[in-house]
């Protein structure tokens, strides 16, 4: 139950969480688009008039997934990501195997949010320890004599 409480549903996640979530949601867009192609193909083979609609709706969903990958810096980017997880799962009503795809990407989404937060916490601890040992390099203070932010001495490339 602690895991569910620690998951972000709204707000701007930190750097690694944003990166991992963006990779997942962007990749999910490709899978959704391929699912839309399958839905169109099945509907066309059955001579249903909804074939074009499935392709259009799936393509829009795929584009929104890719756009959301770039919107993770917005407070509602993660919220949209959760909604896209739900929408991907709902695609199973049209193409049943999309349930497997949706569950896989939901698992990847959860992993990105949990592991990204862990990586961000680890980075904070390492940075705090490094800046405690090198207080003249701290970004909020003035660098010591001869030190500059680009001299390669700061963690993670400064």
Protein backbone atom coordinates (compact mmCIF):
# COMPACT_ATOMS: atom_id res chain seq x y z
CA UNK A 1 0.00 0.00 0.00
CA UNK A 2 3.00 2.31 0.55
CA UNK A 3 3.85 1.94 -3.13
CA UNK A 4 0.47 3.29 -4.23
CA UNK A 5 0.83 6.32 -1.97
CA UNK A 6 4.26 7.13 -3.37
CA UNK A 7 3.09 7.15 -7.01
CA UNK A 8 2.66 10.60 -8.50
CA UNK A 9 -0.69 11.32 -10.13
CA UNK A 10 -0.18 15.06 -10.59
CA UNK A 11 2.80 17.38 -10.50
CA UNK A 12 6.19 17.64 -12.13
CA UNK A 13 8.36 14.62 -11.36
CA UNK A 14 12.10 14.95 -10.96
CA UNK A 15 14.61 14.52 -13.77
CA UNK A 16 15.10 10.74 -13.97
CA UNK A 17 11.44 10.01 -13.33
CA UNK A 18 10.50 12.37 -16.16
CA UNK A 19 13.00 10.74 -18.49
CA UNK A 20 11.91 7.18 -17.76
CA UNK A 21 8.21 8.03 -17.94
CA UNK A 22 8.75 9.85 -21.24
CA UNK A 23 10.51 6.85 -22.76
CA UNK A 24 7.69 4.54 -21.69
CA UNK A 25 4.85 6.76 -22.87
CA UNK A 26 6.59 7.59 -26.17
CA UNK A 27 7.19 3.90 -26.89
CA UNK A 28 3.61 3.19 -25.93
CA UNK A 29 2.53 5.55 -28.68
CA UNK A 30 4.21 3.31 -31.26
CA UNK A 31 2.50 0.21 -29.86
CA UNK A 32 -0.88 1.99 -29.87
CA UNK A 33 -0.40 3.03 -33.48
CA UNK A 34 0.41 -0.53 -34.51
CA UNK A 35 -2.68 -1.66 -32.59
CA UNK A 36 -4.71 0.88 -34.57
CA UNK A 37 -3.37 -0.60 -37.80
CA UNK A 38 -4.44 -4.05 -36.62
CA UNK A 39 -7.90 -2.76 -35.66
CA UNK A 40 -8.27 -1.16 -39.09
CA UNK A 41 -7.14 -4.34 -40.84
CA UNK A 42 -9.56 -6.53 -38.89
CA UNK A 43 -12.45 -4.14 -39.50
CA UNK A 44 -11.62 -3.88 -43.21
CA UNK A 45 -11.41 -7.66 -43.54
CA UNK A 46 -14.87 -7.91 -41.97
CA UNK A 47 -16.04 -5.15 -44.32
CA UNK A 48 -17.03 -2.90 -41.42
CA UNK A 49 -17.43 0.81 -42.05
CA UNK A 50 -15.60 1.58 -38.80
CA UNK A 51 -12.17 0.66 -40.22
CA UNK A 52 -11.17 4.27 -40.87
CA UNK A 53 -12.51 5.39 -37.51
CA UNK A 54 -10.39 2.83 -35.67
CA UNK A 55 -7.29 4.01 -37.51
CA UNK A 56 -8.09 7.67 -36.86
CA UNK A 57 -8.84 7.19 -33.16
CA UNK A 58 -5.80 4.98 -32.64
CA UNK A 59 -3.57 7.43 -34.49
CA UNK A 60 -4.81 10.33 -32.35
CA UNK A 61 -4.17 8.28 -29.21
CA UNK A 62 -0.67 7.43 -30.46
CA UNK A 63 0.13 11.08 -31.21
CA UNK A 64 -1.11 12.11 -27.75
CA UNK A 65 1.20 9.48 -26.23
CA UNK A 66 4.20 10.88 -28.12
CA UNK A 67 3.23 14.45 -27.22
CA UNK A 68 2.85 13.51 -23.56
CA UNK A 69 6.44 12.26 -23.59
CA UNK A 70 7.46 15.87 -24.13
CA UNK A 71 4.95 17.22 -21.62
CA UNK A 72 6.34 15.49 -18.53
CA UNK A 73 7.60 18.88 -17.30
CA UNK A 74 4.03 20.10 -17.02
CA UNK A 75 2.12 19.37 -13.80
CA UNK A 76 -0.56 17.49 -15.73
CA UNK A 77 1.88 15.44 -17.84
CA UNK A 78 1.84 12.52 -15.40
CA UNK A 79 -1.94 12.77 -15.08
CA UNK A 80 -2.28 12.53 -18.84
CA UNK A 81 0.08 9.55 -18.75
CA UNK A 82 -2.25 7.75 -16.34
CA UNK A 83 -5.21 8.52 -18.60
CA UNK A 84 -3.28 7.16 -21.58
CA UNK A 85 -2.64 3.95 -19.63
CA UNK A 86 -6.38 3.59 -19.15
CA UNK A 87 -7.08 4.41 -22.81
CA UNK A 88 -4.57 1.79 -23.93
CA UNK A 89 -6.25 -0.82 -21.75
CA UNK A 90 -9.63 0.17 -23.21
CA UNK A 91 -8.28 -0.55 -26.70
CA UNK A 92 -8.69 -4.23 -25.76
CA UNK A 93 -12.40 -3.88 -26.52
CA UNK A 94 -11.46 -3.47 -30.19
CA UNK A 95 -8.31 -5.63 -30.38
CA UNK A 96 -8.30 -8.12 -27.47
CA UNK A 97 -4.51 -8.58 -27.53
CA UNK A 98 -4.17 -4.88 -26.71
CA UNK A 99 -4.97 -5.97 -23.14
CA UNK A 100 -1.56 -7.66 -23.04
CA UNK A 101 0.09 -4.58 -24.55
CA UNK A 102 -1.77 -2.31 -22.12
CA UNK A 103 -0.77 -4.39 -19.10
CA UNK A 104 2.86 -4.49 -20.23
CA UNK A 105 2.99 -0.73 -20.65
CA UNK A 106 1.18 -0.20 -17.36
CA UNK A 107 3.86 -2.30 -15.67
CA UNK A 108 6.57 -0.30 -17.44
CA UNK A 109 4.84 2.97 -16.43
CA UNK A 110 4.72 1.90 -12.78
CA UNK A 111 8.36 0.80 -12.95
CA UNK A 112 9.40 4.12 -14.49
CA UNK A 113 7.64 6.10 -11.77
CA UNK A 114 8.95 3.98 -8.89
CA UNK A 115 12.50 3.42 -10.12
CA UNK A 116 12.81 6.97 -11.42
CA UNK A 117 11.92 8.31 -7.98
CA UNK A 118 14.50 5.96 -6.46
CA UNK A 119 17.15 7.18 -8.90
CA UNK A 120 16.27 10.80 -8.14
CA UNK A 121 16.59 10.13 -4.40
CA UNK A 122 19.95 8.44 -4.91
CA UNK A 123 21.17 11.39 -6.98
CA UNK A 124 20.13 13.80 -4.21
CA UNK A 125 22.05 11.78 -1.61
CA UNK A 126 25.19 11.56 -3.77
CA UNK A 127 25.04 15.26 -4.62
CA UNK A 128 24.52 16.23 -0.97
CA UNK A 129 27.52 14.16 0.08
CA UNK A 130 29.68 15.61 -2.72
CA UNK A 131 28.69 19.20 -1.94
CA UNK A 132 29.32 18.59 1.77
CA UNK A 133 32.88 17.62 0.84
CA UNK A 134 33.22 20.48 -1.69
CA UNK A 135 31.21 23.40 -0.28
CA UNK A 136 32.91 25.94 -2.55
CA UNK A 137 31.36 24.20 -5.56
CA UNK A 138 27.78 24.37 -4.33
CA UNK A 139 25.55 26.05 -6.96
CA UNK A 140 23.86 28.26 -4.35
CA UNK A 141 27.18 29.60 -3.08
CA UNK A 142 30.04 31.37 -4.75
CA UNK A 143 32.71 29.08 -6.16
CA UNK A 144 36.05 29.14 -4.43
CA UNK A 145 39.18 30.64 -5.99
CA UNK A 146 40.08 29.03 -9.27
CA UNK A 147 36.92 26.92 -9.41
CA UNK A 148 34.31 27.25 -12.11
CA UNK A 149 31.11 25.27 -12.75
CA UNK A 150 32.53 24.01 -16.04
CA UNK A 151 35.86 22.74 -14.70
CA UNK A 152 34.51 19.17 -14.53
CA UNK A 153 34.75 18.87 -10.75
CA UNK A 154 31.02 18.98 -10.09
CA UNK A 155 29.10 15.68 -10.04
CA UNK A 156 27.27 14.58 -13.17
CA UNK A 157 29.15 16.99 -15.42
CA UNK A 158 28.26 20.12 -13.44
